[in-house]
């Protein structure tokens, strides 16, 4: 669903999708109560935010100065991959309710993947010289390999599958409906495996390159061989 160019119904000087428009307007309200002054909160439309009405808070400076924000990629992948994986085809005409759920999901996903900055800073504190050397060589794959812990990733994916299996069941008067699910549990674990974990590591890699003062090469295809 698209909103045609009518005054404020535009985002980035182009026709906006319904979710883009409502998300952008929501962020404007949240910005006024200083949501995006928190280091773990990043907007999808930073160029449209008003100044906060509340005075700034004194957050501890855990992270190095950086401009890492991959919400544009996250939004595209959410629309192209996540929504088709968890929603049936067709139009139930519940556009308003749906877009509010989309916004909650997008903001939670953004917070989750951008926590990678804190993980990256922690690992940099453990062995800054090693990461600095890899970044100076432009070795993004080496950084990715160093960041990757396959055992932990496997547990995260399994936990996502188990939680989805428990909470996505259709509940009837008789109790859980067994094999009937509102969302396939395998779809949720695949979202973690193919989207959330790789994007989190992209954030970590980009942060470490900025942290060390080197230009990060393209990350296209950097996760292609993982999990095989």
N, C-alpha and C. Protein backbone atom coordinates (compact mmCIF):
# COMPACT_ATOMS: atom_id res chain seq x y z
N UNK A 1 0.86 -1.20 0.00
CA UNK A 1 0.00 0.00 0.00
C UNK A 1 0.89 1.24 0.00
N UNK A 2 0.65 2.15 -0.95
CA UNK A 2 1.46 3.35 -1.06
C UNK A 2 0.60 4.61 -0.85
N UNK A 3 1.23 5.60 -0.26
CA UNK A 3 0.61 6.91 -0.14
C UNK A 3 1.23 7.81 -1.19
N UNK A 4 0.40 8.38 -2.05
CA UNK A 4 0.94 9.24 -3.09
C UNK A 4 1.34 10.59 -2.52
N UNK A 5 2.15 11.27 -3.24
CA UNK A 5 2.78 12.49 -2.75
C UNK A 5 1.73 13.57 -2.49
N UNK A 6 1.44 13.77 -1.20
CA UNK A 6 0.46 14.78 -0.80
C UNK A 6 0.98 15.49 0.44
N UNK A 7 1.78 16.51 0.25
CA UNK A 7 2.28 17.27 1.39
C UNK A 7 3.13 16.42 2.30
N UNK A 8 2.64 16.20 3.55
CA UNK A 8 3.44 15.51 4.56
C UNK A 8 3.45 14.00 4.37
N UNK A 9 2.74 13.46 3.39
CA UNK A 9 2.71 12.02 3.19
C UNK A 9 3.90 11.52 2.39
N UNK A 10 4.99 12.23 2.40
CA UNK A 10 6.18 11.81 1.66
C UNK A 10 7.32 11.56 2.63
N UNK A 11 8.15 10.62 2.27
CA UNK A 11 9.34 10.30 3.02
C UNK A 11 10.50 10.26 2.04
N UNK A 12 11.58 10.95 2.35
CA UNK A 12 12.73 11.03 1.45
C UNK A 12 12.35 11.61 0.09
N UNK A 13 11.40 12.54 0.04
CA UNK A 13 10.98 13.20 -1.19
C UNK A 13 10.49 12.22 -2.25
N UNK A 14 9.85 11.19 -1.82
CA UNK A 14 9.26 10.23 -2.76
C UNK A 14 7.96 9.71 -2.15
N UNK A 15 7.17 9.00 -2.96
CA UNK A 15 5.96 8.38 -2.42
C UNK A 15 6.36 7.37 -1.35
N UNK A 16 5.68 7.40 -0.22
CA UNK A 16 6.00 6.50 0.88
C UNK A 16 5.02 5.35 0.94
N UNK A 17 5.52 4.18 1.35
CA UNK A 17 4.61 3.10 1.68
C UNK A 17 3.90 3.45 2.98
N UNK A 18 2.82 2.79 3.25
CA UNK A 18 2.06 3.08 4.46
C UNK A 18 2.90 2.85 5.71
N UNK A 19 3.67 1.75 5.74
CA UNK A 19 4.48 1.47 6.92
C UNK A 19 5.60 2.51 7.07
N UNK A 20 6.17 2.97 5.97
CA UNK A 20 7.20 4.01 6.05
C UNK A 20 6.63 5.30 6.62
N UNK A 21 5.46 5.68 6.14
CA UNK A 21 4.86 6.93 6.59
C UNK A 21 4.53 6.89 8.08
N UNK A 22 3.85 5.82 8.51
CA UNK A 22 3.45 5.73 9.92
C UNK A 22 4.67 5.56 10.82
N UNK A 23 5.66 4.80 10.36
CA UNK A 23 6.89 4.63 11.14
C UNK A 23 7.61 5.97 11.31
N UNK A 24 7.70 6.74 10.23
CA UNK A 24 8.37 8.04 10.29
C UNK A 24 7.64 8.98 11.24
N UNK A 25 6.31 9.01 11.18
CA UNK A 25 5.54 9.88 12.07
C UNK A 25 5.66 9.42 13.52
N UNK A 26 5.71 8.11 13.73
CA UNK A 26 5.89 7.58 15.08
C UNK A 26 7.24 7.99 15.65
N UNK A 27 8.27 7.91 14.81
CA UNK A 27 9.61 8.29 15.27
C UNK A 27 9.68 9.76 15.64
N UNK A 28 8.93 10.59 14.97
CA UNK A 28 8.93 12.01 15.33
C UNK A 28 8.43 12.21 16.74
N UNK A 29 7.37 11.50 17.11
CA UNK A 29 6.83 11.59 18.47
C UNK A 29 7.84 11.05 19.48
N UNK A 30 8.42 9.90 19.16
CA UNK A 30 9.38 9.29 20.08
C UNK A 30 10.62 10.15 20.24
N UNK A 31 11.02 10.82 19.18
CA UNK A 31 12.19 11.69 19.26
C UNK A 31 11.96 12.83 20.24
N UNK A 32 10.74 13.33 20.31
CA UNK A 32 10.44 14.44 21.21
C UNK A 32 10.58 14.04 22.68
N UNK A 33 10.46 12.75 22.98
CA UNK A 33 10.66 12.30 24.37
C UNK A 33 12.01 11.59 24.49
N UNK A 34 12.95 11.97 23.64
CA UNK A 34 14.39 11.65 23.63
C UNK A 34 14.71 10.17 23.48
N UNK A 35 13.84 9.41 22.81
CA UNK A 35 14.13 7.99 22.61
C UNK A 35 15.47 7.79 21.91
N UNK A 36 15.74 8.62 20.91
CA UNK A 36 16.92 8.40 20.08
C UNK A 36 18.18 9.07 20.63
N UNK A 37 18.08 9.54 21.87
CA UNK A 37 19.29 9.97 22.56
C UNK A 37 19.93 8.80 23.29
N UNK A 38 19.19 7.71 23.42
CA UNK A 38 19.72 6.50 24.03
C UNK A 38 20.63 5.80 23.03
N UNK A 39 21.82 5.34 23.44
CA UNK A 39 22.78 4.76 22.49
C UNK A 39 22.32 3.46 21.84
N UNK A 40 21.34 2.76 22.44
CA UNK A 40 20.88 1.51 21.82
C UNK A 40 19.64 1.69 20.95
N UNK A 41 19.17 2.93 20.79
CA UNK A 41 17.98 3.21 19.97
C UNK A 41 18.41 3.98 18.73
N UNK A 42 18.06 3.46 17.56
CA UNK A 42 18.41 4.12 16.31
C UNK A 42 17.18 4.27 15.43
N UNK A 43 16.96 5.44 14.85
CA UNK A 43 15.77 5.68 14.03
C UNK A 43 15.93 5.13 12.62
N UNK A 44 14.81 4.88 11.98
CA UNK A 44 14.81 4.48 10.58
C UNK A 44 14.86 5.70 9.67
N UNK A 45 14.40 6.85 10.17
CA UNK A 45 14.36 8.07 9.38
C UNK A 45 15.01 9.22 10.15
N UNK A 46 16.32 9.16 10.34
CA UNK A 46 17.00 10.16 11.18
C UNK A 46 16.91 11.58 10.65
N UNK A 47 16.74 11.74 9.34
CA UNK A 47 16.70 13.08 8.78
C UNK A 47 15.40 13.83 9.02
N UNK A 48 14.44 13.18 9.65
CA UNK A 48 13.12 13.80 9.84
C UNK A 48 12.80 14.07 11.31
N UNK A 49 13.75 13.85 12.20
CA UNK A 49 13.44 13.91 13.63
C UNK A 49 13.49 15.34 14.18
N UNK A 50 12.50 15.71 14.99
CA UNK A 50 12.54 17.01 15.67
C UNK A 50 13.43 16.93 16.90
N UNK A 51 13.74 18.08 17.47
CA UNK A 51 14.54 18.13 18.69
C UNK A 51 13.72 17.61 19.88
N UNK A 52 14.36 16.99 20.85
CA UNK A 52 13.63 16.50 22.03
C UNK A 52 13.04 17.65 22.84
N UNK A 53 11.91 17.38 23.48
CA UNK A 53 11.31 18.35 24.39
C UNK A 53 11.92 18.24 25.78
N UNK A 54 12.46 17.07 26.10
CA UNK A 54 13.05 16.83 27.42
C UNK A 54 14.56 17.06 27.38
N UNK A 55 15.14 17.43 28.49
CA UNK A 55 16.60 17.64 28.51
C UNK A 55 17.34 16.31 28.35
N UNK A 56 18.56 16.34 27.85
CA UNK A 56 19.31 15.10 27.63
C UNK A 56 19.68 14.42 28.93
N UNK A 57 19.82 13.10 28.86
CA UNK A 57 20.28 12.32 30.00
C UNK A 57 21.78 12.08 29.86
N UNK A 58 22.42 11.81 30.96
CA UNK A 58 23.87 11.60 30.96
C UNK A 58 24.16 10.10 30.87
N UNK A 59 24.20 9.57 29.63
CA UNK A 59 24.50 8.15 29.44
C UNK A 59 26.00 7.91 29.53
N UNK A 60 26.41 6.79 30.12
CA UNK A 60 27.84 6.47 30.14
C UNK A 60 28.36 6.25 28.72
N UNK A 61 29.56 6.72 28.44
CA UNK A 61 30.14 6.62 27.10
C UNK A 61 30.83 5.26 26.93
N UNK A 62 30.01 4.25 26.66
CA UNK A 62 30.53 2.89 26.47
C UNK A 62 31.06 2.71 25.05
N UNK A 63 30.36 3.27 24.09
CA UNK A 63 30.72 3.10 22.69
C UNK A 63 31.62 4.23 22.20
N UNK A 64 32.46 3.91 21.24
CA UNK A 64 33.22 4.94 20.55
C UNK A 64 32.28 5.70 19.62
N UNK A 65 32.56 6.96 19.29
CA UNK A 65 31.73 7.69 18.32
C UNK A 65 31.62 6.91 17.02
N UNK A 66 30.40 6.78 16.51
CA UNK A 66 30.19 6.01 15.29
C UNK A 66 28.88 6.42 14.64
N UNK A 67 28.73 6.08 13.39
CA UNK A 67 27.50 6.41 12.64
C UNK A 67 26.84 5.16 12.08
N UNK A 68 27.10 4.01 12.68
CA UNK A 68 26.56 2.75 12.16
C UNK A 68 25.05 2.69 12.39
N UNK A 69 24.32 2.58 11.31
CA UNK A 69 22.86 2.46 11.36
C UNK A 69 22.43 1.69 10.10
N UNK A 70 22.01 0.45 10.26
CA UNK A 70 21.64 -0.37 9.11
C UNK A 70 20.12 -0.56 9.01
N UNK A 71 19.37 0.39 9.58
CA UNK A 71 17.92 0.25 9.57
C UNK A 71 17.33 0.27 8.17
N UNK A 72 17.99 0.93 7.21
CA UNK A 72 17.45 0.91 5.85
C UNK A 72 17.47 -0.51 5.29
N UNK A 73 18.57 -1.24 5.53
CA UNK A 73 18.66 -2.63 5.11
C UNK A 73 17.66 -3.50 5.87
N UNK A 74 17.54 -3.26 7.16
CA UNK A 74 16.60 -4.03 7.98
C UNK A 74 15.17 -3.86 7.48
N UNK A 75 14.78 -2.64 7.18
CA UNK A 75 13.42 -2.39 6.70
C UNK A 75 13.15 -3.11 5.39
N UNK A 76 14.11 -3.05 4.47
CA UNK A 76 13.93 -3.73 3.18
C UNK A 76 13.80 -5.23 3.36
N UNK A 77 14.62 -5.81 4.21
CA UNK A 77 14.58 -7.25 4.40
C UNK A 77 13.33 -7.67 5.19
N UNK A 78 12.87 -6.81 6.08
CA UNK A 78 11.64 -7.10 6.81
C UNK A 78 10.46 -7.21 5.84
N UNK A 79 10.37 -6.25 4.94
CA UNK A 79 9.27 -6.25 3.97
C UNK A 79 9.39 -7.40 2.98
N UNK A 80 10.61 -7.64 2.49
CA UNK A 80 10.81 -8.63 1.43
C UNK A 80 10.87 -10.06 1.94
N UNK A 81 11.33 -10.25 3.19
CA UNK A 81 11.58 -11.62 3.66
C UNK A 81 10.78 -11.99 4.91
N UNK A 82 10.75 -11.11 5.90
CA UNK A 82 10.09 -11.47 7.15
C UNK A 82 8.58 -11.54 6.99
N UNK A 83 7.99 -10.51 6.41
CA UNK A 83 6.53 -10.49 6.28
C UNK A 83 6.01 -11.67 5.46
N UNK A 84 6.56 -11.98 4.29
CA UNK A 84 6.06 -13.15 3.55
C UNK A 84 6.24 -14.47 4.31
N UNK A 85 7.24 -14.53 5.20
CA UNK A 85 7.50 -15.77 5.92
C UNK A 85 6.51 -16.00 7.05
N UNK A 86 5.93 -14.94 7.60
CA UNK A 86 5.06 -15.09 8.77
C UNK A 86 3.60 -14.73 8.51
N UNK A 87 3.31 -14.18 7.33
CA UNK A 87 1.94 -13.75 7.03
C UNK A 87 1.40 -14.50 5.82
N UNK A 88 0.11 -14.78 5.86
CA UNK A 88 -0.54 -15.41 4.72
C UNK A 88 -0.73 -14.41 3.59
N UNK A 89 -0.96 -14.94 2.41
CA UNK A 89 -1.19 -14.08 1.24
C UNK A 89 -2.56 -13.41 1.34
N UNK A 90 -2.71 -12.30 0.62
CA UNK A 90 -3.99 -11.62 0.57
C UNK A 90 -4.05 -10.39 1.46
N UNK A 91 -5.21 -9.76 1.52
CA UNK A 91 -5.40 -8.51 2.24
C UNK A 91 -6.58 -8.68 3.19
N UNK A 92 -6.29 -8.62 4.52
CA UNK A 92 -7.37 -8.73 5.50
C UNK A 92 -7.97 -7.38 5.84
N UNK A 93 -7.47 -6.32 5.20
CA UNK A 93 -7.96 -4.96 5.35
C UNK A 93 -7.72 -4.37 6.74
N UNK A 94 -6.90 -5.03 7.55
CA UNK A 94 -6.57 -4.51 8.89
C UNK A 94 -5.27 -3.70 8.81
N UNK A 95 -5.26 -2.68 7.95
CA UNK A 95 -4.02 -1.96 7.67
C UNK A 95 -3.48 -1.23 8.89
N UNK A 96 -4.34 -0.57 9.63
CA UNK A 96 -3.88 0.19 10.79
C UNK A 96 -3.30 -0.71 11.86
N UNK A 97 -4.04 -1.78 12.21
CA UNK A 97 -3.55 -2.71 13.22
C UNK A 97 -2.25 -3.37 12.77
N UNK A 98 -2.19 -3.72 11.51
CA UNK A 98 -1.00 -4.40 10.99
C UNK A 98 0.23 -3.50 11.05
N UNK A 99 0.07 -2.24 10.66
CA UNK A 99 1.24 -1.36 10.62
C UNK A 99 1.76 -1.06 12.03
N UNK A 100 0.88 -1.03 13.02
CA UNK A 100 1.34 -0.84 14.39
C UNK A 100 2.15 -2.04 14.87
N UNK A 101 1.71 -3.24 14.47
CA UNK A 101 2.49 -4.44 14.79
C UNK A 101 3.83 -4.42 14.06
N UNK A 102 3.81 -3.97 12.80
CA UNK A 102 5.06 -3.86 12.04
C UNK A 102 6.05 -2.94 12.74
N UNK A 103 5.55 -1.81 13.22
CA UNK A 103 6.44 -0.83 13.86
C UNK A 103 7.04 -1.41 15.14
N UNK A 104 6.22 -2.09 15.94
CA UNK A 104 6.74 -2.71 17.16
C UNK A 104 7.83 -3.74 16.81
N UNK A 105 7.57 -4.53 15.78
CA UNK A 105 8.53 -5.56 15.38
C UNK A 105 9.81 -4.92 14.84
N UNK A 106 9.68 -3.91 14.01
CA UNK A 106 10.85 -3.25 13.42
C UNK A 106 11.71 -2.59 14.49
N UNK A 107 11.09 -1.92 15.44
CA UNK A 107 11.87 -1.26 16.49
C UNK A 107 12.58 -2.28 17.37
N UNK A 108 11.91 -3.41 17.65
CA UNK A 108 12.55 -4.46 18.44
C UNK A 108 13.71 -5.09 17.68
N UNK A 109 13.52 -5.33 16.38
CA UNK A 109 14.59 -5.90 15.57
C UNK A 109 15.77 -4.94 15.47
N UNK A 110 15.48 -3.66 15.30
CA UNK A 110 16.55 -2.67 15.21
C UNK A 110 17.37 -2.64 16.49
N UNK A 111 16.69 -2.64 17.61
CA UNK A 111 17.39 -2.63 18.90
C UNK A 111 18.25 -3.89 19.03
N UNK A 112 17.70 -5.02 18.61
CA UNK A 112 18.42 -6.30 18.73
C UNK A 112 19.70 -6.31 17.89
N UNK A 113 19.60 -5.93 16.63
CA UNK A 113 20.78 -6.03 15.77
C UNK A 113 21.82 -4.96 16.12
N UNK A 114 21.37 -3.80 16.57
CA UNK A 114 22.34 -2.74 16.89
C UNK A 114 22.98 -2.92 18.26
N UNK A 115 22.50 -3.87 19.06
CA UNK A 115 23.24 -4.24 20.26
C UNK A 115 24.58 -4.85 19.88
N UNK A 116 24.74 -5.19 18.60
CA UNK A 116 26.02 -5.68 18.12
C UNK A 116 27.15 -4.69 18.38
N UNK A 117 26.83 -3.41 18.44
CA UNK A 117 27.88 -2.42 18.75
C UNK A 117 28.50 -2.67 20.12
N UNK A 118 27.66 -2.99 21.08
CA UNK A 118 28.15 -3.23 22.43
C UNK A 118 28.97 -4.52 22.49
N UNK A 119 28.52 -5.53 21.74
CA UNK A 119 29.28 -6.77 21.66
C UNK A 119 30.65 -6.50 21.04
N UNK A 120 30.64 -5.74 19.95
CA UNK A 120 31.90 -5.44 19.25
C UNK A 120 32.85 -4.65 20.14
N UNK A 121 32.32 -3.69 20.89
CA UNK A 121 33.18 -2.91 21.78
C UNK A 121 33.79 -3.80 22.86
N UNK A 122 32.99 -4.72 23.38
CA UNK A 122 33.50 -5.63 24.39
C UNK A 122 34.64 -6.49 23.83
N UNK A 123 34.46 -6.99 22.61
CA UNK A 123 35.50 -7.82 22.00
C UNK A 123 36.73 -6.99 21.65
N UNK A 124 36.53 -5.75 21.26
CA UNK A 124 37.65 -4.88 20.97
C UNK A 124 38.47 -4.62 22.24
N UNK A 125 37.79 -4.48 23.36
CA UNK A 125 38.49 -4.25 24.62
C UNK A 125 39.33 -5.47 25.00
N UNK A 126 38.89 -6.67 24.57
CA UNK A 126 39.63 -7.89 24.89
C UNK A 126 40.91 -8.00 24.06
N UNK A 127 40.84 -7.61 22.77
CA UNK A 127 42.02 -7.74 21.90
C UNK A 127 41.95 -6.71 20.79
N UNK A 128 42.17 -5.46 21.16
CA UNK A 128 42.07 -4.38 20.19
C UNK A 128 43.10 -4.46 19.09
N UNK A 129 44.30 -4.91 19.40
CA UNK A 129 45.36 -4.96 18.40
C UNK A 129 45.02 -5.93 17.27
N UNK A 130 44.42 -7.06 17.62
CA UNK A 130 44.06 -8.04 16.60
C UNK A 130 43.02 -7.49 15.64
N UNK A 131 42.00 -6.84 16.17
CA UNK A 131 40.96 -6.26 15.32
C UNK A 131 41.53 -5.08 14.53
N UNK A 132 42.38 -4.31 15.15
CA UNK A 132 42.98 -3.17 14.45
C UNK A 132 43.82 -3.65 13.25
N UNK A 133 44.55 -4.72 13.42
CA UNK A 133 45.37 -5.25 12.32
C UNK A 133 44.50 -5.76 11.17
N UNK A 134 43.44 -6.48 11.50
CA UNK A 134 42.54 -6.99 10.46
C UNK A 134 41.87 -5.85 9.71
N UNK A 135 41.44 -4.84 10.44
CA UNK A 135 40.77 -3.70 9.81
C UNK A 135 41.74 -2.90 8.95
N UNK A 136 42.99 -2.79 9.39
CA UNK A 136 43.98 -2.05 8.61
C UNK A 136 44.25 -2.74 7.27
N UNK A 137 44.04 -4.05 7.23
CA UNK A 137 44.22 -4.82 5.99
C UNK A 137 42.95 -4.86 5.14
N UNK A 138 41.88 -4.28 5.65
CA UNK A 138 40.60 -4.34 4.95
C UNK A 138 40.01 -5.73 4.96
N UNK A 139 40.37 -6.53 5.95
CA UNK A 139 39.98 -7.94 6.01
C UNK A 139 38.67 -8.11 6.78
N UNK A 140 37.57 -7.77 6.13
CA UNK A 140 36.26 -7.88 6.78
C UNK A 140 35.90 -9.34 7.05
N UNK A 141 36.30 -10.24 6.16
CA UNK A 141 36.03 -11.66 6.39
C UNK A 141 36.78 -12.18 7.61
N UNK A 142 38.01 -11.71 7.79
CA UNK A 142 38.76 -12.11 8.97
C UNK A 142 38.11 -11.61 10.25
N UNK A 143 37.60 -10.38 10.21
CA UNK A 143 36.88 -9.84 11.37
C UNK A 143 35.63 -10.66 11.64
N UNK A 144 34.90 -10.99 10.58
CA UNK A 144 33.69 -11.78 10.72
C UNK A 144 33.98 -13.15 11.33
N UNK A 145 35.03 -13.80 10.87
CA UNK A 145 35.39 -15.11 11.41
C UNK A 145 35.78 -15.01 12.88
N UNK A 146 36.45 -13.94 13.23
CA UNK A 146 36.86 -13.75 14.62
C UNK A 146 35.66 -13.50 15.53
N UNK A 147 34.66 -12.83 14.99
CA UNK A 147 33.46 -12.53 15.77
C UNK A 147 32.54 -13.73 15.91
N UNK A 148 32.61 -14.66 14.97
CA UNK A 148 31.63 -15.74 14.89
C UNK A 148 31.90 -16.82 15.94
N UNK A 149 30.85 -17.15 16.67
CA UNK A 149 30.88 -18.27 17.60
C UNK A 149 29.73 -19.19 17.22
N UNK A 150 30.03 -20.21 16.43
CA UNK A 150 28.98 -21.06 15.86
C UNK A 150 28.18 -21.78 16.94
N UNK A 151 28.83 -22.15 18.03
CA UNK A 151 28.12 -22.86 19.10
C UNK A 151 27.06 -21.96 19.73
N UNK A 152 27.41 -20.70 19.98
CA UNK A 152 26.44 -19.76 20.55
C UNK A 152 25.32 -19.48 19.56
N UNK A 153 25.66 -19.29 18.29
CA UNK A 153 24.64 -19.03 17.28
C UNK A 153 23.67 -20.20 17.18
N UNK A 154 24.19 -21.42 17.25
CA UNK A 154 23.33 -22.61 17.18
C UNK A 154 22.35 -22.63 18.34
N UNK A 155 22.81 -22.27 19.53
CA UNK A 155 21.93 -22.25 20.69
C UNK A 155 20.86 -21.17 20.56
N UNK A 156 21.23 -20.02 20.01
CA UNK A 156 20.26 -18.94 19.81
C UNK A 156 19.16 -19.38 18.84
N UNK A 157 19.56 -20.02 17.76
CA UNK A 157 18.59 -20.49 16.76
C UNK A 157 17.68 -21.56 17.36
N UNK A 158 18.26 -22.48 18.12
CA UNK A 158 17.46 -23.54 18.76
C UNK A 158 16.48 -22.94 19.77
N UNK A 159 16.93 -21.96 20.53
CA UNK A 159 16.05 -21.32 21.51
C UNK A 159 14.89 -20.60 20.81
N UNK A 160 15.18 -19.95 19.69
CA UNK A 160 14.12 -19.28 18.93
C UNK A 160 13.09 -20.30 18.44
N UNK A 161 13.57 -21.45 17.97
CA UNK A 161 12.65 -22.50 17.51
C UNK A 161 11.81 -23.03 18.66
N UNK A 162 12.43 -23.26 19.81
CA UNK A 162 11.69 -23.79 20.96
C UNK A 162 10.65 -22.80 21.47
N UNK A 163 11.02 -21.53 21.54
CA UNK A 163 10.08 -20.52 22.02
C UNK A 163 8.92 -20.36 21.04
N UNK A 164 9.23 -20.37 19.75
CA UNK A 164 8.17 -20.25 18.75
C UNK A 164 7.24 -21.46 18.79
N UNK A 165 7.80 -22.63 19.02
CA UNK A 165 6.98 -23.84 19.12
C UNK A 165 6.04 -23.75 20.31
N UNK A 166 6.51 -23.17 21.41
CA UNK A 166 5.69 -23.07 22.61
C UNK A 166 4.63 -21.99 22.51
N UNK A 167 5.00 -20.83 21.95
CA UNK A 167 4.11 -19.67 22.01
C UNK A 167 3.30 -19.41 20.74
N UNK A 168 3.63 -20.09 19.65
CA UNK A 168 2.91 -19.83 18.40
C UNK A 168 1.80 -20.83 18.15
N UNK A 169 1.55 -21.71 19.11
CA UNK A 169 0.49 -22.70 18.93
C UNK A 169 -0.89 -22.05 18.96
N UNK A 170 -1.79 -22.60 18.17
CA UNK A 170 -3.19 -22.19 18.24
C UNK A 170 -3.79 -22.79 19.52
N UNK A 171 -4.40 -21.95 20.35
CA UNK A 171 -4.98 -22.41 21.60
C UNK A 171 -6.50 -22.48 21.45
N UNK A 172 -7.09 -23.62 21.80
CA UNK A 172 -8.54 -23.81 21.73
C UNK A 172 -9.08 -23.96 23.16
N UNK A 173 -10.39 -24.19 23.27
CA UNK A 173 -10.99 -24.41 24.58
C UNK A 173 -10.40 -25.65 25.23
N UNK A 174 -9.96 -26.59 24.41
CA UNK A 174 -9.41 -27.83 24.93
C UNK A 174 -7.93 -27.71 25.28
N UNK A 175 -7.31 -26.57 24.92
CA UNK A 175 -5.89 -26.39 25.18
C UNK A 175 -5.13 -26.19 23.89
N UNK A 176 -3.85 -26.49 23.93
CA UNK A 176 -3.01 -26.32 22.74
C UNK A 176 -3.47 -27.25 21.63
N UNK A 177 -3.40 -26.73 20.41
CA UNK A 177 -3.91 -27.48 19.25
C UNK A 177 -2.84 -28.33 18.59
N UNK A 178 -1.80 -28.65 19.33
CA UNK A 178 -0.80 -29.58 18.81
C UNK A 178 0.04 -29.01 17.70
N UNK A 179 -0.20 -29.49 16.51
CA UNK A 179 0.67 -29.13 15.38
C UNK A 179 0.18 -27.91 14.62
N UNK A 180 -0.88 -27.24 15.09
CA UNK A 180 -1.38 -26.06 14.40
C UNK A 180 -0.75 -24.82 15.04
N UNK A 181 -0.14 -24.00 14.17
CA UNK A 181 0.57 -22.83 14.66
C UNK A 181 0.10 -21.58 13.93
N UNK A 182 0.07 -20.46 14.66
CA UNK A 182 -0.22 -19.17 14.04
C UNK A 182 0.91 -18.77 13.11
N UNK A 183 2.13 -19.09 13.49
CA UNK A 183 3.32 -18.87 12.67
C UNK A 183 4.17 -20.13 12.75
N UNK A 184 4.69 -20.59 11.63
CA UNK A 184 5.52 -21.78 11.64
C UNK A 184 6.78 -21.53 12.49
N UNK A 185 7.05 -22.35 13.47
CA UNK A 185 8.26 -22.16 14.29
C UNK A 185 9.54 -22.14 13.44
N UNK A 186 9.57 -22.95 12.39
CA UNK A 186 10.75 -22.99 11.52
C UNK A 186 11.00 -21.65 10.84
N UNK A 187 9.93 -20.91 10.59
CA UNK A 187 10.09 -19.59 9.97
C UNK A 187 10.78 -18.63 10.93
N UNK A 188 10.45 -18.73 12.21
CA UNK A 188 11.07 -17.86 13.21
C UNK A 188 12.55 -18.18 13.37
N UNK A 189 12.89 -19.45 13.46
CA UNK A 189 14.30 -19.81 13.61
C UNK A 189 15.08 -19.42 12.36
N UNK A 190 14.44 -19.52 11.18
CA UNK A 190 15.12 -19.12 9.94
C UNK A 190 15.36 -17.62 9.90
N UNK A 191 14.44 -16.84 10.46
CA UNK A 191 14.64 -15.38 10.53
C UNK A 191 15.86 -15.06 11.38
N UNK A 192 16.00 -15.76 12.49
CA UNK A 192 17.20 -15.57 13.32
C UNK A 192 18.46 -15.97 12.56
N UNK A 193 18.42 -17.13 11.93
CA UNK A 193 19.61 -17.67 11.27
C UNK A 193 20.01 -16.83 10.06
N UNK A 194 19.04 -16.42 9.25
CA UNK A 194 19.35 -15.81 7.96
C UNK A 194 19.32 -14.28 7.98
N UNK A 195 18.69 -13.69 8.99
CA UNK A 195 18.55 -12.23 8.99
C UNK A 195 19.11 -11.60 10.27
N UNK A 196 18.61 -11.99 11.42
CA UNK A 196 18.98 -11.29 12.65
C UNK A 196 20.46 -11.49 12.99
N UNK A 197 20.92 -12.72 12.98
CA UNK A 197 22.33 -12.96 13.33
C UNK A 197 23.28 -12.34 12.31
N UNK A 198 23.07 -12.53 11.00
CA UNK A 198 23.98 -11.89 10.04
C UNK A 198 23.97 -10.36 10.12
N UNK A 199 22.81 -9.76 10.30
CA UNK A 199 22.76 -8.30 10.39
C UNK A 199 23.44 -7.80 11.67
N UNK A 200 23.30 -8.55 12.75
CA UNK A 200 23.99 -8.18 13.99
C UNK A 200 25.50 -8.19 13.78
N UNK A 201 25.99 -9.20 13.08
CA UNK A 201 27.43 -9.26 12.81
C UNK A 201 27.86 -8.18 11.83
N UNK A 202 27.00 -7.81 10.90
CA UNK A 202 27.32 -6.66 10.02
C UNK A 202 27.52 -5.41 10.86
N UNK A 203 26.65 -5.19 11.84
CA UNK A 203 26.79 -4.04 12.72
C UNK A 203 28.12 -4.10 13.46
N UNK A 204 28.47 -5.28 13.96
CA UNK A 204 29.73 -5.44 14.68
C UNK A 204 30.93 -5.12 13.79
N UNK A 205 30.90 -5.63 12.56
CA UNK A 205 32.02 -5.41 11.63
C UNK A 205 32.14 -3.92 11.29
N UNK A 206 31.01 -3.30 10.94
CA UNK A 206 31.03 -1.89 10.58
C UNK A 206 31.51 -1.04 11.75
N UNK A 207 31.05 -1.38 12.95
CA UNK A 207 31.48 -0.63 14.14
C UNK A 207 32.98 -0.76 14.35
N UNK A 208 33.51 -1.97 14.21
CA UNK A 208 34.93 -2.18 14.46
C UNK A 208 35.80 -1.45 13.44
N UNK A 209 35.34 -1.39 12.19
CA UNK A 209 36.10 -0.63 11.20
C UNK A 209 36.08 0.86 11.55
N UNK A 210 34.93 1.39 11.93
CA UNK A 210 34.89 2.78 12.35
C UNK A 210 35.68 2.99 13.64
N UNK A 211 35.61 2.02 14.53
CA UNK A 211 36.32 2.11 15.82
C UNK A 211 37.82 2.23 15.62
N UNK A 212 38.33 1.55 14.58
CA UNK A 212 39.77 1.55 14.32
C UNK A 212 40.18 2.59 13.29
N UNK A 213 39.21 3.30 12.70
CA UNK A 213 39.53 4.38 11.78
C UNK A 213 39.81 3.95 10.36
N UNK A 214 39.34 2.75 9.97
CA UNK A 214 39.59 2.26 8.61
C UNK A 214 38.26 2.10 7.86
N UNK A 215 38.34 2.20 6.53
CA UNK A 215 37.15 2.07 5.69
C UNK A 215 36.78 0.60 5.53
N UNK A 216 35.54 0.30 5.78
CA UNK A 216 35.08 -1.09 5.66
C UNK A 216 34.76 -1.41 4.21
N UNK A 217 35.27 -2.53 3.69
CA UNK A 217 34.91 -2.93 2.32
C UNK A 217 33.47 -3.42 2.27
N UNK A 218 33.00 -3.73 1.10
CA UNK A 218 31.64 -4.24 0.95
C UNK A 218 31.47 -5.54 1.73
N UNK A 219 30.33 -5.67 2.38
CA UNK A 219 30.03 -6.88 3.14
C UNK A 219 29.15 -7.84 2.35
N UNK A 220 28.93 -7.53 1.08
CA UNK A 220 28.08 -8.39 0.24
C UNK A 220 28.67 -9.80 0.18
N UNK A 221 27.84 -10.79 0.49
CA UNK A 221 28.25 -12.18 0.40
C UNK A 221 29.12 -12.69 1.53
N UNK A 222 29.33 -11.86 2.54
CA UNK A 222 30.28 -12.24 3.59
C UNK A 222 29.77 -13.40 4.45
N UNK A 223 28.46 -13.60 4.48
CA UNK A 223 27.89 -14.68 5.29
C UNK A 223 27.47 -15.90 4.45
N UNK A 224 27.75 -15.89 3.16
CA UNK A 224 27.21 -16.91 2.26
C UNK A 224 27.60 -18.32 2.65
N UNK A 225 28.79 -18.53 3.15
CA UNK A 225 29.24 -19.90 3.45
C UNK A 225 28.98 -20.31 4.89
N UNK A 226 28.39 -19.43 5.68
CA UNK A 226 28.16 -19.75 7.09
C UNK A 226 27.00 -20.73 7.24
N UNK A 227 27.17 -21.64 8.16
CA UNK A 227 26.11 -22.59 8.45
C UNK A 227 26.04 -23.75 7.49
N UNK A 228 26.98 -23.82 6.55
CA UNK A 228 26.96 -24.92 5.60
C UNK A 228 27.82 -26.06 6.13
